[in-house]
Amino acid sequence: MKKLVTIYTIIDQGKKKDYTFTFSMGFTHNTWNEVKDRFELYWNEVVRKK
């Protein structure tokens, strides 16, 4: 069961692009730190390489 969907939007000033991140937090044990870690992982592996 999905309890929360959080959308983060970051504007990359250098590339003039908008990046939107959507996280589905389906369990109570998901914490902000887990979401932040997933966000940072996506940012480092996907966005930075472009």
C-alpha atoms as a PDB file:
ATOM      1  CA  MET A   1       0.000   0.000   0.000  1.00  0.00           C
ATOM      2  CA  LYS A   2       1.367   3.358  -0.998  1.00  0.00           C
ATOM      3  CA  LYS A   3       1.222   5.894   1.792  1.00  0.00           C
ATOM      4  CA  LEU A   4       3.057   8.860   0.327  1.00  0.00           C
ATOM      5  CA  VAL A   5       4.419  10.109  -2.952  1.00  0.00           C
ATOM      6  CA  THR A   6       6.943  12.895  -2.717  1.00  0.00           C
ATOM      7  CA  ILE A   7       8.101  14.855  -5.727  1.00  0.00           C
ATOM      8  CA  TYR A   8      11.328  16.805  -5.701  1.00  0.00           C
ATOM      9  CA  THR A   9      12.183  19.280  -8.425  1.00  0.00           C
ATOM     10  CA  ILE A  10      15.684  20.636  -8.808  1.00  0.00           C
ATOM     11  CA  ILE A  11      16.714  23.288 -11.289  1.00  0.00           C
ATOM     12  CA  ASP A  12      20.205  22.798 -12.677  1.00  0.00           C
ATOM     13  CA  GLN A  13      21.246  26.394 -13.300  1.00  0.00           C
ATOM     14  CA  GLY A  14      24.210  25.420 -15.444  1.00  0.00           C
ATOM     15  CA  LYS A  15      22.240  23.270 -17.860  1.00  0.00           C
ATOM     16  CA  LYS A  16      18.946  25.136 -17.616  1.00  0.00           C
ATOM     17  CA  LYS A  17      17.035  21.914 -17.045  1.00  0.00           C
ATOM     18  CA  ASP A  18      14.459  20.801 -14.523  1.00  0.00           C
ATOM     19  CA  TYR A  19      14.850  17.432 -12.845  1.00  0.00           C
ATOM     20  CA  THR A  20      11.858  15.913 -11.096  1.00  0.00           C
ATOM     21  CA  PHE A  21      12.227  13.002  -8.709  1.00  0.00           C
ATOM     22  CA  THR A  22       9.293  10.911  -7.550  1.00  0.00           C
ATOM     23  CA  PHE A  23       9.573   8.552  -4.606  1.00  0.00           C
ATOM     24  CA  SER A  24       6.892   6.137  -3.474  1.00  0.00           C
ATOM     25  CA  MET A  25       7.068   5.508   0.249  1.00  0.00           C
ATOM     26  CA  GLY A  26       4.933   2.430   0.758  1.00  0.00           C
ATOM     27  CA  PHE A  27       6.006   1.360   4.234  1.00  0.00           C
ATOM     28  CA  THR A  28       6.222   3.033   7.612  1.00  0.00           C
ATOM     29  CA  HIS A  29       9.885   2.105   7.985  1.00  0.00           C
ATOM     30  CA  ASN A  30      10.799   4.385   5.105  1.00  0.00           C
ATOM     31  CA  THR A  31      12.380   7.453   6.603  1.00  0.00           C
ATOM     32  CA  TRP A  32      13.436  10.808   5.216  1.00  0.00           C
ATOM     33  CA  ASN A  33      17.044   9.592   5.211  1.00  0.00           C
ATOM     34  CA  GLU A  34      16.113   6.686   2.963  1.00  0.00           C
ATOM     35  CA  VAL A  35      14.376   9.011   0.543  1.00  0.00           C
ATOM     36  CA  LYS A  36      17.320  11.400   0.628  1.00  0.00           C
ATOM     37  CA  ASP A  37      19.743   8.561  -0.056  1.00  0.00           C
ATOM     38  CA  ARG A  38      17.708   7.412  -3.051  1.00  0.00           C
ATOM     39  CA  PHE A  39      17.588  10.977  -4.318  1.00  0.00           C
ATOM     40  CA  GLU A  40      21.336  11.445  -3.956  1.00  0.00           C
ATOM     41  CA  LEU A  41      21.993   8.107  -5.653  1.00  0.00           C
ATOM     42  CA  TYR A  42      19.836   9.097  -8.602  1.00  0.00           C
ATOM     43  CA  TRP A  43      21.441  12.534  -8.785  1.00  0.00           C
ATOM     44  CA  ASN A  44      24.982  11.165  -8.700  1.00  0.00           C
ATOM     45  CA  GLU A  45      24.464   8.296 -11.124  1.00  0.00           C
ATOM     46  CA  VAL A  46      22.032   9.756 -13.632  1.00  0.00           C
ATOM     47  CA  VAL A  47      21.989  13.531 -13.648  1.00  0.00           C
ATOM     48  CA  ARG A  48      25.659  14.307 -13.080  1.00  0.00           C
ATOM     49  CA  LYS A  49      26.780  12.067 -15.930  1.00  0.00           C
ATOM     50  CA  LYS A  50      24.871  14.105 -18.502  1.00  0.00           C
END
